[in-house]
C-alpha atoms as a PDB file:
ATOM      1  CA  UNK A   1      28.410 -16.150  54.113  1.00  0.00           C
ATOM      2  CA  UNK A   2      29.254 -12.992  52.530  1.00  0.00           C
ATOM      3  CA  UNK A   3      27.185 -11.377  49.712  1.00  0.00           C
ATOM      4  CA  UNK A   4      29.580  -9.889  47.071  1.00  0.00           C
ATOM      5  CA  UNK A   5      28.453  -6.923  45.034  1.00  0.00           C
ATOM      6  CA  UNK A   6      27.912  -6.482  41.369  1.00  0.00           C
ATOM      7  CA  UNK A   7      30.489  -4.566  39.256  1.00  0.00           C
ATOM      8  CA  UNK A   8      28.770  -1.149  39.404  1.00  0.00           C
ATOM      9  CA  UNK A   9      30.531   1.758  41.108  1.00  0.00           C
ATOM     10  CA  UNK A  10      27.695   2.806  43.389  1.00  0.00           C
ATOM     11  CA  UNK A  11      27.191  -0.792  44.605  1.00  0.00           C
ATOM     12  CA  UNK A  12      30.767  -1.264  45.304  1.00  0.00           C
ATOM     13  CA  UNK A  13      30.981   2.041  47.250  1.00  0.00           C
ATOM     14  CA  UNK A  14      27.966   1.056  49.421  1.00  0.00           C
ATOM     15  CA  UNK A  15      29.372  -2.309  50.188  1.00  0.00           C
ATOM     16  CA  UNK A  16      32.711  -0.925  51.097  1.00  0.00           C
ATOM     17  CA  UNK A  17      31.184   1.745  53.233  1.00  0.00           C
ATOM     18  CA  UNK A  18      29.006  -0.648  55.089  1.00  0.00           C
ATOM     19  CA  UNK A  19      31.724  -3.155  55.623  1.00  0.00           C
ATOM     20  CA  UNK A  20      34.166  -0.436  56.952  1.00  0.00           C
ATOM     21  CA  UNK A  21      31.744   1.166  59.287  1.00  0.00           C
ATOM     22  CA  UNK A  22      30.742  -2.293  60.701  1.00  0.00           C
ATOM     23  CA  UNK A  23      34.229  -2.547  62.302  1.00  0.00           C
ATOM     24  CA  UNK A  24      34.412  -1.425  65.959  1.00  0.00           C
ATOM     25  CA  UNK A  25      36.350   1.740  66.256  1.00  0.00           C
ATOM     26  CA  UNK A  26      35.429   3.189  62.967  1.00  0.00           C
ATOM     27  CA  UNK A  27      33.541   6.369  63.700  1.00  0.00           C
ATOM     28  CA  UNK A  28      32.760   7.255  60.142  1.00  0.00           C
ATOM     29  CA  UNK A  29      34.038   8.138  56.774  1.00  0.00           C
ATOM     30  CA  UNK A  30      35.549  11.546  55.770  1.00  0.00           C
ATOM     31  CA  UNK A  31      34.493  12.977  52.359  1.00  0.00           C
ATOM     32  CA  UNK A  32      37.297  15.564  52.391  1.00  0.00           C
ATOM     33  CA  UNK A  33      37.289  19.336  52.885  1.00  0.00           C
ATOM     34  CA  UNK A  34      34.778  19.965  50.040  1.00  0.00           C
ATOM     35  CA  UNK A  35      33.388  16.600  49.551  1.00  0.00           C
ATOM     36  CA  UNK A  36      35.789  15.560  46.866  1.00  0.00           C
ATOM     37  CA  UNK A  37      36.120  11.892  47.960  1.00  0.00           C
ATOM     38  CA  UNK A  38      32.657  10.342  47.150  1.00  0.00           C
ATOM     39  CA  UNK A  39      30.868   8.022  44.764  1.00  0.00           C
ATOM     40  CA  UNK A  40      27.783   9.471  43.083  1.00  0.00           C
ATOM     41  CA  UNK A  41      24.591   8.078  41.303  1.00  0.00           C
ATOM     42  CA  UNK A  42      21.515   9.990  40.296  1.00  0.00           C
ATOM     43  CA  UNK A  43      21.392  12.472  43.210  1.00  0.00           C
ATOM     44  CA  UNK A  44      22.715  10.012  45.773  1.00  0.00           C
ATOM     45  CA  UNK A  45      26.234   9.751  47.123  1.00  0.00           C
ATOM     46  CA  UNK A  46      28.462   7.634  49.305  1.00  0.00           C
ATOM     47  CA  UNK A  47      30.753  10.111  51.069  1.00  0.00           C
ATOM     48  CA  UNK A  48      34.207   9.045  52.039  1.00  0.00           C
ATOM     49  CA  UNK A  49      34.590   6.259  49.348  1.00  0.00           C
ATOM     50  CA  UNK A  50      36.072   6.727  45.899  1.00  0.00           C
ATOM     51  CA  UNK A  51      35.778   3.677  43.632  1.00  0.00           C
ATOM     52  CA  UNK A  52      38.813   3.863  41.346  1.00  0.00           C
ATOM     53  CA  UNK A  53      37.947   0.870  39.200  1.00  0.00           C
ATOM     54  CA  UNK A  54      35.284  -1.948  39.283  1.00  0.00           C
ATOM     55  CA  UNK A  55      37.142  -4.722  37.349  1.00  0.00           C
ATOM     56  CA  UNK A  56      38.548  -5.713  39.753  1.00  0.00           C
ATOM     57  CA  UNK A  57      37.292  -3.326  42.395  1.00  0.00           C
ATOM     58  CA  UNK A  58      39.732  -0.764  43.738  1.00  0.00           C
ATOM     59  CA  UNK A  59      38.418   1.574  46.353  1.00  0.00           C
ATOM     60  CA  UNK A  60      39.883   4.361  48.451  1.00  0.00           C
ATOM     61  CA  UNK A  61      38.192   4.937  51.976  1.00  0.00           C
ATOM     62  CA  UNK A  62      39.034   7.996  54.169  1.00  0.00           C
ATOM     63  CA  UNK A  63      38.523   6.753  57.741  1.00  0.00           C
ATOM     64  CA  UNK A  64      37.590   8.566  61.017  1.00  0.00           C
ATOM     65  CA  UNK A  65      38.563   6.313  63.711  1.00  0.00           C
ATOM     66  CA  UNK A  66      37.985   6.359  67.593  1.00  0.00           C
ATOM     67  CA  UNK A  67      41.025   6.664  69.894  1.00  0.00           C
ATOM     68  CA  UNK A  68      41.493   3.268  71.401  1.00  0.00           C
ATOM     69  CA  UNK A  69      44.347   0.764  71.265  1.00  0.00           C
ATOM     70  CA  UNK A  70      46.564   0.351  68.360  1.00  0.00           C
ATOM     71  CA  UNK A  71      45.534   1.578  64.984  1.00  0.00           C
ATOM     72  CA  UNK A  72      47.240  -1.274  62.919  1.00  0.00           C
ATOM     73  CA  UNK A  73      45.166  -4.199  63.999  1.00  0.00           C
ATOM     74  CA  UNK A  74      41.969  -2.059  63.395  1.00  0.00           C
ATOM     75  CA  UNK A  75      43.050  -1.062  59.838  1.00  0.00           C
ATOM     76  CA  UNK A  76      43.715  -4.675  59.181  1.00  0.00           C
ATOM     77  CA  UNK A  77      40.093  -5.595  60.340  1.00  0.00           C
ATOM     78  CA  UNK A  78      38.724  -2.751  58.040  1.00  0.00           C
ATOM     79  CA  UNK A  79      40.772  -3.986  55.087  1.00  0.00           C
ATOM     80  CA  UNK A  80      39.614  -7.482  55.677  1.00  0.00           C
ATOM     81  CA  UNK A  81      35.943  -6.615  56.029  1.00  0.00           C
ATOM     82  CA  UNK A  82      35.999  -4.537  52.864  1.00  0.00           C
ATOM     83  CA  UNK A  83      37.776  -7.139  50.863  1.00  0.00           C
ATOM     84  CA  UNK A  84      35.279  -9.769  52.037  1.00  0.00           C
ATOM     85  CA  UNK A  85      32.458  -7.598  50.819  1.00  0.00           C
ATOM     86  CA  UNK A  86      33.850  -7.198  47.318  1.00  0.00           C
ATOM     87  CA  UNK A  87      34.673  -9.374  44.233  1.00  0.00           C
ATOM     88  CA  UNK A  88      37.890 -11.480  44.284  1.00  0.00           C
ATOM     89  CA  UNK A  89      41.054  -9.536  43.361  1.00  0.00           C
ATOM     90  CA  UNK A  90      39.746  -6.242  44.962  1.00  0.00           C
ATOM     91  CA  UNK A  91      42.238  -3.667  46.246  1.00  0.00           C
ATOM     92  CA  UNK A  92      41.509  -1.399  49.189  1.00  0.00           C
ATOM     93  CA  UNK A  93      43.404   1.746  50.107  1.00  0.00           C
ATOM     94  CA  UNK A  94      42.788   3.261  53.444  1.00  0.00           C
ATOM     95  CA  UNK A  95      43.606   6.758  54.800  1.00  0.00           C
ATOM     96  CA  UNK A  96      42.992   7.789  58.374  1.00  0.00           C
ATOM     97  CA  UNK A  97      42.117  11.376  58.244  1.00  0.00           C
ATOM     98  CA  UNK A  98      40.992  11.989  61.908  1.00  0.00           C
ATOM     99  CA  UNK A  99      41.101  10.349  65.279  1.00  0.00           C
ATOM    100  CA  UNK A 100      38.218  11.077  67.727  1.00  0.00           C
ATOM    101  CA  UNK A 101      39.095  11.159  71.404  1.00  0.00           C
ATOM    102  CA  UNK A 102      36.593  10.192  74.048  1.00  0.00           C
END
């Protein structure tokens, strides 16, 4: 059973980050050149995730992925994992910013 998060930006960002990073082949999240893609709360931040709205949740994640196999199925898995962690009606935008080679 999936626990869905409350409608606060930081909680949404944490849930999206944790869900995305739980997918095999996701090496991490990219905050951008100067950290412009992040969600903040009281001295804390979730780098690589921007929450665009909370009702319904709409998030942008910038992914760093490992080089193995086709990218499309992996992105589908990431999107499904993130959607499953958020409230119904959520929207997830993904950007792949880097591919790490072995």
